[in-house]
């Protein structure tokens, strides 16, 4: 992959699940992979959770990175706007040091409902 390959970040869809499982498998190679039915059930729970968005970074047509974002209502803000949290930020080793993690990180602040403060 060329260092100039553009990175696009978007919300993940159910169709991204195999690539996400592969990516997380590289992050935690000692973990036993989730069986397909379990992975499908976990994805359904994630997709149904209000305020939660899994992001994927694509480069050259491949999933190069991901982050799991949660935006929560926040009583400490004057307007009640949400505050966000990003977890499981993962970049494929093939796309390391090419701006993938930074692109995902910048996008986590723009997930709908996240605080811009």
Protein backbone atom coordinates (compact mmCIF):
# COMPACT_ATOMS: atom_id res chain seq x y z
CA UNK A 1 0.00 0.00 0.00
CA UNK A 2 1.25 3.46 -0.81
CA UNK A 3 1.58 5.99 1.99
CA UNK A 4 -0.66 8.24 -0.14
CA UNK A 5 -3.62 5.83 -0.04
CA UNK A 6 -6.53 7.90 1.29
CA UNK A 7 -8.26 6.78 4.47
CA UNK A 8 -12.03 7.10 4.72
CA UNK A 9 -13.79 6.70 8.08
CA UNK A 10 -17.46 5.73 8.29
CA UNK A 11 -19.87 3.93 10.60
CA UNK A 12 -19.50 0.17 10.38
CA UNK A 13 -22.28 -2.00 9.01
CA UNK A 14 -23.13 -5.64 9.61
CA UNK A 15 -21.28 -6.41 6.38
CA UNK A 16 -18.05 -5.24 8.04
CA UNK A 17 -18.30 -7.85 10.79
CA UNK A 18 -15.90 -10.42 9.23
CA UNK A 19 -13.24 -7.73 8.71
CA UNK A 20 -13.76 -6.38 12.24
CA UNK A 21 -13.40 -9.87 13.72
CA UNK A 22 -10.21 -10.39 11.73
CA UNK A 23 -8.82 -7.03 12.84
CA UNK A 24 -9.60 -7.69 16.51
CA UNK A 25 -8.09 -11.15 16.14
CA UNK A 26 -4.80 -9.48 15.22
CA UNK A 27 -5.08 -7.25 18.29
CA UNK A 28 -5.68 -10.20 20.62
CA UNK A 29 -4.17 -13.27 18.90
CA UNK A 30 -4.40 -15.40 22.06
CA UNK A 31 -8.18 -14.98 22.30
CA UNK A 32 -10.39 -17.70 20.88
CA UNK A 33 -12.38 -16.26 17.95
CA UNK A 34 -16.09 -15.76 18.55
CA UNK A 35 -18.32 -18.38 16.90
CA UNK A 36 -20.39 -16.90 14.07
CA UNK A 37 -23.72 -16.98 15.92
CA UNK A 38 -22.16 -15.33 18.98
CA UNK A 39 -20.53 -12.64 16.84
CA UNK A 40 -23.86 -11.99 15.10
CA UNK A 41 -25.64 -11.66 18.47
CA UNK A 42 -22.96 -9.32 19.84
CA UNK A 43 -23.16 -7.18 16.69
CA UNK A 44 -26.96 -6.98 17.01
CA UNK A 45 -26.58 -5.82 20.63
CA UNK A 46 -24.00 -3.20 19.63
CA UNK A 47 -26.10 -1.96 16.71
CA UNK A 48 -29.16 -1.64 18.96
CA UNK A 49 -27.40 0.30 21.70
CA UNK A 50 -28.40 3.97 21.68
CA UNK A 51 -25.43 6.30 21.32
CA UNK A 52 -23.00 3.62 20.20
CA UNK A 53 -21.20 3.72 16.86
CA UNK A 54 -18.47 1.43 15.60
CA UNK A 55 -16.28 3.25 13.10
CA UNK A 56 -14.20 1.65 10.37
CA UNK A 57 -11.32 3.20 8.50
CA UNK A 58 -11.02 2.04 4.91
CA UNK A 59 -7.90 2.33 2.78
CA UNK A 60 -7.55 0.81 -0.64
CA UNK A 61 -10.89 -1.00 -0.24
CA UNK A 62 -9.82 -2.79 2.98
CA UNK A 63 -10.78 -2.22 6.59
CA UNK A 64 -7.61 -0.68 7.99
CA UNK A 65 -8.76 0.33 11.46
CA UNK A 66 -11.67 0.64 13.84
CA UNK A 67 -12.90 2.29 17.04
CA UNK A 68 -15.95 1.64 19.18
CA UNK A 69 -17.56 4.93 20.26
CA UNK A 70 -20.18 5.60 22.89
CA UNK A 71 -21.87 8.98 23.32
CA UNK A 72 -23.58 9.39 26.68
CA UNK A 73 -25.90 12.13 27.94
CA UNK A 74 -23.93 14.32 30.31
CA UNK A 75 -25.26 16.31 33.27
CA UNK A 76 -22.06 18.35 33.57
CA UNK A 77 -22.60 20.24 30.30
CA UNK A 78 -24.67 23.41 30.30
CA UNK A 79 -26.78 22.12 27.41
CA UNK A 80 -26.85 18.45 28.37
CA UNK A 81 -24.93 17.59 25.22
CA UNK A 82 -23.33 14.18 25.20
CA UNK A 83 -19.79 13.27 26.09
CA UNK A 84 -18.05 10.56 24.13
CA UNK A 85 -15.73 7.68 24.79
CA UNK A 86 -13.69 5.73 22.24
CA UNK A 87 -12.56 2.17 22.93
CA UNK A 88 -10.92 -0.71 21.09
CA UNK A 89 -9.10 1.61 18.70
CA UNK A 90 -7.31 -0.85 16.46
CA UNK A 91 -5.22 -0.46 13.32
CA UNK A 92 -4.20 -3.30 11.05
CA UNK A 93 -0.43 -3.79 11.11
CA UNK A 94 -0.47 -3.38 7.31
CA UNK A 95 -1.74 0.20 7.76
CA UNK A 96 0.30 1.20 10.80
CA UNK A 97 2.05 4.60 10.72
CA UNK A 98 0.00 5.79 7.73
CA UNK A 99 -2.48 8.09 9.47
CA UNK A 100 -5.21 5.52 10.01
CA UNK A 101 -5.45 5.86 13.80
CA UNK A 102 -5.39 9.65 13.57
CA UNK A 103 -8.21 9.64 11.00
CA UNK A 104 -10.33 7.43 13.26
CA UNK A 105 -9.53 9.55 16.31
CA UNK A 106 -10.53 12.77 14.56
CA UNK A 107 -13.80 11.18 13.47
CA UNK A 108 -14.71 10.02 17.00
CA UNK A 109 -15.18 13.68 17.95
CA UNK A 110 -17.73 14.07 15.15
CA UNK A 111 -19.92 11.09 16.02
CA UNK A 112 -23.47 12.49 16.36
CA UNK A 113 -24.09 13.71 19.90
CA UNK A 114 -20.43 13.88 20.94
CA UNK A 115 -19.24 16.94 22.78
CA UNK A 116 -17.16 19.36 20.74
CA UNK A 117 -15.67 20.98 23.86
